[in-house]
Amino acid sequence: MPILRLETIINAEIEICFDLSRSIDLHKISTAQTNEKAIAGRVTGLINLNEFVTWEATHFGITQKLSSQITAYQRPQHFRDEQIKGAFKYIIHDHYFESQNGKTIMTDIFDFEAPFGFIGKIVSKSILSKHLQQLLERRNTTIKKFAESDKWKSVIPS
């Protein structure tokens, strides 16, 4: 059960960072390399409490589907998305936001377990953790770029 933890400091308001993090449209932009598409549930705009999205993406040459639901929501400090259907045994992704000295500290805690018992644990440690870390870092870099410019206005509805 690896747990990934990322901290990103963003020179932008906490509300903007929070909303960018739950933007389906920004997620699509940040995952273009895996051809990720929202195909069911909330497929555009900002995902909210109890809503779900089903993603289709290609990882390691295999097209997969994963559905996640927002199960906790306290704007603008925290929200949680959890896998409700997909290849993993489970995924729990907590998004935390803290305003500090005019900046936002965005912290991701990504807890997951691959299927297939012992073999899944080996694959998680050797391959999946690095792959997922890179996806999260790419996503957070995209959030930071949009939040620190006027680009955020193109993905957050007014």
Protein backbone atom coordinates (compact mmCIF):
# COMPACT_ATOMS: atom_id res chain seq x y z
CA MET A 1 0.00 0.00 0.00
CA PRO A 2 2.21 2.83 -1.19
CA ILE A 3 1.24 6.35 -0.20
CA LEU A 4 2.46 9.21 -2.38
CA ARG A 5 2.73 12.69 -0.88
CA LEU A 6 3.33 15.80 -2.95
CA GLU A 7 3.51 19.41 -1.85
CA THR A 8 3.21 22.21 -4.39
CA ILE A 9 3.55 25.90 -3.52
CA ILE A 10 1.47 28.12 -5.79
CA ASN A 11 1.49 31.90 -5.97
CA ALA A 12 -2.30 32.20 -6.26
CA GLU A 13 -5.46 32.36 -4.18
CA ILE A 14 -6.56 29.20 -2.41
CA GLU A 15 -10.01 29.20 -4.08
CA ILE A 16 -8.47 29.23 -7.56
CA CYS A 17 -6.13 26.35 -6.70
CA PHE A 18 -8.98 24.37 -5.14
CA ASP A 19 -11.22 24.82 -8.18
CA LEU A 20 -8.44 24.03 -10.67
CA SER A 21 -7.81 20.79 -8.78
CA ARG A 22 -11.38 19.66 -9.31
CA SER A 23 -11.64 20.86 -12.91
CA ILE A 24 -12.37 18.03 -15.33
CA ASP A 25 -11.20 20.24 -18.21
CA LEU A 26 -7.82 21.00 -16.60
CA HIS A 27 -7.36 17.31 -15.77
CA LYS A 28 -7.77 16.50 -19.47
CA ILE A 29 -5.10 19.07 -20.35
CA SER A 30 -2.65 17.75 -17.76
CA THR A 31 -3.07 14.12 -18.90
CA ALA A 32 -2.92 14.62 -22.67
CA GLN A 33 0.03 12.18 -22.90
CA THR A 34 -2.24 9.31 -21.78
CA ASN A 35 -5.11 10.46 -24.02
CA GLU A 36 -7.34 10.70 -20.95
CA LYS A 37 -11.03 11.35 -21.63
CA ALA A 38 -13.98 11.84 -19.29
CA ILE A 39 -16.61 9.46 -20.69
CA ALA A 40 -19.33 9.26 -18.00
CA GLY A 41 -20.64 11.17 -15.00
CA ARG A 42 -19.27 14.70 -14.76
CA VAL A 43 -17.42 15.09 -18.07
CA THR A 44 -16.71 18.84 -18.00
CA GLY A 45 -16.60 21.70 -15.49
CA LEU A 46 -16.00 21.37 -11.75
CA ILE A 47 -16.72 18.10 -9.98
CA ASN A 48 -18.60 18.39 -6.68
CA LEU A 49 -19.47 16.31 -3.62
CA ASN A 50 -21.04 12.92 -4.46
CA GLU A 51 -20.47 13.36 -8.19
CA PHE A 52 -18.41 10.85 -10.14
CA VAL A 53 -16.36 10.82 -13.32
CA THR A 54 -15.30 7.86 -15.42
CA TRP A 55 -11.96 8.29 -17.14
CA GLU A 56 -10.65 6.34 -20.10
CA ALA A 57 -6.88 6.46 -20.59
CA THR A 58 -3.99 4.49 -21.99
CA HIS A 59 -1.30 3.43 -19.52
CA PHE A 60 1.51 1.03 -20.39
CA GLY A 61 -0.12 0.51 -23.81
CA ILE A 62 -3.42 -0.68 -22.29
CA THR A 63 -6.66 1.31 -22.51
CA GLN A 64 -8.36 1.33 -19.11
CA LYS A 65 -11.38 2.85 -17.42
CA LEU A 66 -11.46 4.22 -13.89
CA SER A 67 -14.41 5.79 -12.07
CA SER A 68 -13.90 8.01 -9.04
CA GLN A 69 -16.32 9.87 -6.80
CA ILE A 70 -15.91 12.93 -4.60
CA THR A 71 -16.59 11.55 -1.11
CA ALA A 72 -15.47 14.48 1.08
CA TYR A 73 -15.64 18.19 0.34
CA GLN A 74 -14.83 21.27 2.38
CA ARG A 75 -14.19 24.23 0.09
CA PRO A 76 -11.47 25.53 -0.13
CA GLN A 77 -9.43 23.39 2.30
CA HIS A 78 -9.98 19.77 1.26
CA PHE A 79 -11.66 17.27 -0.99
CA ARG A 80 -11.26 13.54 -1.49
CA ASP A 81 -11.79 11.40 -4.54
CA GLU A 82 -12.02 7.63 -4.30
CA GLN A 83 -12.03 4.94 -6.96
CA ILE A 84 -15.47 3.33 -7.20
CA LYS A 85 -14.59 1.14 -10.18
CA GLY A 86 -11.31 0.37 -11.87
CA ALA A 87 -8.18 -1.74 -12.05
CA PHE A 88 -6.83 -0.88 -8.60
CA LYS A 89 -7.88 -2.61 -5.41
CA TYR A 90 -8.48 0.93 -4.15
CA ILE A 91 -7.40 4.55 -4.65
CA ILE A 92 -7.99 7.30 -2.10
CA HIS A 93 -6.71 10.73 -3.13
CA ASP A 94 -6.89 13.55 -0.60
CA HIS A 95 -6.33 17.12 -1.82
CA TYR A 96 -5.44 19.64 0.91
CA PHE A 97 -5.06 23.41 0.51
CA GLU A 98 -3.60 25.92 2.94
CA SER A 99 -3.22 29.65 2.47
CA GLN A 100 0.10 30.95 3.80
CA ASN A 101 1.77 34.33 3.22
CA GLY A 102 -0.23 35.04 0.06
CA LYS A 103 0.54 31.65 -1.44
CA THR A 104 -1.31 28.35 -1.48
CA ILE A 105 0.27 25.14 -0.28
CA MET A 106 -1.38 22.30 -2.15
CA THR A 107 -0.77 18.84 -0.69
CA ASP A 108 -1.76 15.60 -2.38
CA ILE A 109 -1.91 12.36 -0.42
CA PHE A 110 -2.46 9.51 -2.84
CA ASP A 111 -3.07 6.12 -1.24
CA PHE A 112 -3.48 3.11 -3.51
CA GLU A 113 -3.21 -0.63 -3.73
CA ALA A 114 -2.79 -2.63 -6.90
CA PRO A 115 -4.62 -5.93 -7.36
CA PHE A 116 -2.89 -9.31 -7.53
CA GLY A 117 -1.60 -9.60 -3.95
CA PHE A 118 2.16 -10.07 -3.58
CA ILE A 119 2.89 -9.55 -7.29
CA GLY A 120 0.81 -6.36 -7.21
CA LYS A 121 2.87 -5.07 -4.27
CA ILE A 122 6.11 -5.66 -6.17
CA VAL A 123 4.75 -3.91 -9.28
CA SER A 124 3.46 -1.02 -7.10
CA LYS A 125 6.88 -0.43 -5.57
CA SER A 126 8.90 -0.93 -8.74
CA ILE A 127 6.75 0.63 -11.47
CA LEU A 128 3.34 2.04 -10.45
CA SER A 129 4.54 4.40 -7.71
CA LYS A 130 6.96 6.15 -10.06
CA HIS A 131 4.37 6.31 -12.87
CA LEU A 132 1.66 7.73 -10.59
CA GLN A 133 4.11 10.19 -8.99
CA GLN A 134 4.99 11.52 -12.45
CA LEU A 135 1.30 11.87 -13.38
CA LEU A 136 0.61 13.81 -10.16
CA GLU A 137 3.66 16.02 -10.65
CA ARG A 138 2.59 16.80 -14.24
CA ARG A 139 -0.93 17.58 -13.04
CA ASN A 140 0.33 19.85 -10.26
CA THR A 141 2.70 21.67 -12.64
CA THR A 142 -0.28 22.33 -14.91
CA ILE A 143 -2.38 23.59 -11.99
CA LYS A 144 0.47 25.89 -10.93
CA LYS A 145 0.91 27.30 -14.48
CA PHE A 146 -2.80 28.00 -14.84
CA ALA A 147 -3.21 29.43 -11.31
CA GLU A 148 -0.23 31.77 -11.58
CA SER A 149 -1.50 33.28 -14.85
CA ASP A 150 -4.86 34.23 -16.30
CA LYS A 151 -5.16 30.79 -17.90
CA TRP A 152 -7.31 29.61 -14.96
CA LYS A 153 -10.18 31.66 -16.35
CA SER A 154 -10.38 29.34 -19.36
CA VAL A 155 -11.20 26.25 -17.24
CA ILE A 156 -13.10 27.65 -14.25
CA PRO A 157 -16.63 28.71 -15.16
CA SER A 158 -17.62 32.18 -13.93
